[in-house]
Amino acid sequence: VSTKFQVRTYGKHMFTCKIVCEYKKKLICGIDIESGNPPDEPRNVSCIQYGTDGHPTCTWDKGRLTHINTTYVIQ
């Protein structure tokens, strides 16, 4: 069995597949899908470090909202 469907809204969606056996529904599989925008390239990156042993502190403009968990790494 297969099916196709369009996810038209942002956020987390859960889809399940169930069978009916003797008037009871039984879950046989499922999937969680997170839908959103890809992250924009960070802009206006600025870093400052106080002293030679200090840790740098950076800020940037992340761009548009992704609607999904997004992690940024500065290298």
C-alpha atoms as a PDB file:
ATOM      1  CA  VAL A   1       0.000   0.000   0.000  1.00  0.00           C
ATOM      2  CA  SER A   2       1.282   3.456  -0.800  1.00  0.00           C
ATOM      3  CA  THR A   3      -0.074   6.977  -0.893  1.00  0.00           C
ATOM      4  CA  LYS A   4       1.071  10.511  -1.682  1.00  0.00           C
ATOM      5  CA  PHE A   5      -0.007  13.680   0.058  1.00  0.00           C
ATOM      6  CA  GLN A   6       1.064  17.299   0.080  1.00  0.00           C
ATOM      7  CA  VAL A   7       2.176  18.973   3.293  1.00  0.00           C
ATOM      8  CA  ARG A   8       0.894  22.534   2.900  1.00  0.00           C
ATOM      9  CA  THR A   9       1.594  23.975   6.355  1.00  0.00           C
ATOM     10  CA  TYR A  10       4.749  24.527   8.399  1.00  0.00           C
ATOM     11  CA  GLY A  11       5.492  22.640  11.593  1.00  0.00           C
ATOM     12  CA  LYS A  12       5.488  19.050  12.792  1.00  0.00           C
ATOM     13  CA  HIS A  13       3.061  16.549  11.298  1.00  0.00           C
ATOM     14  CA  MET A  14       2.432  12.945  12.321  1.00  0.00           C
ATOM     15  CA  PHE A  15       1.092  10.376   9.894  1.00  0.00           C
ATOM     16  CA  THR A  16       0.055   6.873  10.875  1.00  0.00           C
ATOM     17  CA  CYS A  17      -1.004   3.715   9.099  1.00  0.00           C
ATOM     18  CA  LYS A  18      -3.526   1.472  10.841  1.00  0.00           C
ATOM     19  CA  ILE A  19      -5.362  -1.723  10.017  1.00  0.00           C
ATOM     20  CA  VAL A  20      -8.820  -2.726  11.119  1.00  0.00           C
ATOM     21  CA  CYS A  21      -9.026  -6.274  12.381  1.00  0.00           C
ATOM     22  CA  GLU A  22     -12.129  -7.601  14.101  1.00  0.00           C
ATOM     23  CA  TYR A  23     -13.443  -4.060  14.602  1.00  0.00           C
ATOM     24  CA  LYS A  24     -10.216  -2.959  16.300  1.00  0.00           C
ATOM     25  CA  LYS A  25      -7.688  -0.516  14.868  1.00  0.00           C
ATOM     26  CA  LYS A  26      -4.047  -1.499  15.132  1.00  0.00           C
ATOM     27  CA  LEU A  27      -1.147   0.854  14.472  1.00  0.00           C
ATOM     28  CA  ILE A  28       1.340  -0.742  12.079  1.00  0.00           C
ATOM     29  CA  CYS A  29       3.604   2.180  11.122  1.00  0.00           C
ATOM     30  CA  GLY A  30       3.986   5.932  11.238  1.00  0.00           C
ATOM     31  CA  ILE A  31       6.255   8.871  10.494  1.00  0.00           C
ATOM     32  CA  ASP A  32       6.809  12.353  11.915  1.00  0.00           C
ATOM     33  CA  ILE A  33       7.612  15.048   9.353  1.00  0.00           C
ATOM     34  CA  GLU A  34       8.841  18.567  10.088  1.00  0.00           C
ATOM     35  CA  SER A  35       8.056  21.043   7.334  1.00  0.00           C
ATOM     36  CA  GLY A  36       9.653  24.459   6.957  1.00  0.00           C
ATOM     37  CA  ASN A  37      11.988  26.747   5.041  1.00  0.00           C
ATOM     38  CA  PRO A  38      15.674  26.074   4.468  1.00  0.00           C
ATOM     39  CA  PRO A  39      17.774  28.510   6.498  1.00  0.00           C
ATOM     40  CA  ASP A  40      19.045  31.663   4.826  1.00  0.00           C
ATOM     41  CA  GLU A  41      22.759  32.349   4.771  1.00  0.00           C
ATOM     42  CA  PRO A  42      23.593  34.373   7.909  1.00  0.00           C
ATOM     43  CA  ARG A  43      24.172  38.104   7.311  1.00  0.00           C
ATOM     44  CA  ASN A  44      25.823  40.878   9.307  1.00  0.00           C
ATOM     45  CA  VAL A  45      28.060  38.460  11.232  1.00  0.00           C
ATOM     46  CA  SER A  46      29.904  40.228  14.037  1.00  0.00           C
ATOM     47  CA  CYS A  47      32.263  38.700  16.626  1.00  0.00           C
ATOM     48  CA  ILE A  48      34.040  40.249  19.591  1.00  0.00           C
ATOM     49  CA  GLN A  49      36.617  38.790  21.955  1.00  0.00           C
ATOM     50  CA  TYR A  50      37.796  40.486  25.139  1.00  0.00           C
ATOM     51  CA  GLY A  51      41.441  39.733  25.950  1.00  0.00           C
ATOM     52  CA  THR A  52      43.691  37.077  24.473  1.00  0.00           C
ATOM     53  CA  ASP A  53      42.128  34.244  26.512  1.00  0.00           C
ATOM     54  CA  GLY A  54      38.470  35.232  26.158  1.00  0.00           C
ATOM     55  CA  HIS A  55      35.887  33.295  24.210  1.00  0.00           C
ATOM     56  CA  PRO A  56      34.488  35.087  21.157  1.00  0.00           C
ATOM     57  CA  THR A  57      30.860  36.166  21.251  1.00  0.00           C
ATOM     58  CA  CYS A  58      29.153  36.386  17.858  1.00  0.00           C
ATOM     59  CA  THR A  59      25.831  37.719  16.601  1.00  0.00           C
ATOM     60  CA  TRP A  60      24.213  37.578  13.172  1.00  0.00           C
ATOM     61  CA  ASP A  61      20.957  38.071  11.303  1.00  0.00           C
ATOM     62  CA  LYS A  62      19.448  34.611  10.763  1.00  0.00           C
ATOM     63  CA  GLY A  63      17.076  35.683   7.977  1.00  0.00           C
ATOM     64  CA  ARG A  64      13.577  34.323   7.561  1.00  0.00           C
ATOM     65  CA  LEU A  65      11.900  32.009  10.057  1.00  0.00           C
ATOM     66  CA  THR A  66      12.556  28.355   9.206  1.00  0.00           C
ATOM     67  CA  HIS A  67       9.746  26.770  11.310  1.00  0.00           C
ATOM     68  CA  ILE A  68      12.118  23.852  12.038  1.00  0.00           C
ATOM     69  CA  ASN A  69      14.974  23.318  14.501  1.00  0.00           C
ATOM     70  CA  THR A  70      18.025  25.033  13.016  1.00  0.00           C
ATOM     71  CA  THR A  71      21.594  24.968  14.348  1.00  0.00           C
ATOM     72  CA  TYR A  72      24.201  27.515  13.261  1.00  0.00           C
ATOM     73  CA  VAL A  73      27.953  26.849  13.460  1.00  0.00           C
ATOM     74  CA  ILE A  74      30.639  29.472  12.992  1.00  0.00           C
ATOM     75  CA  GLN A  75      33.961  28.233  11.626  1.00  0.00           C
END
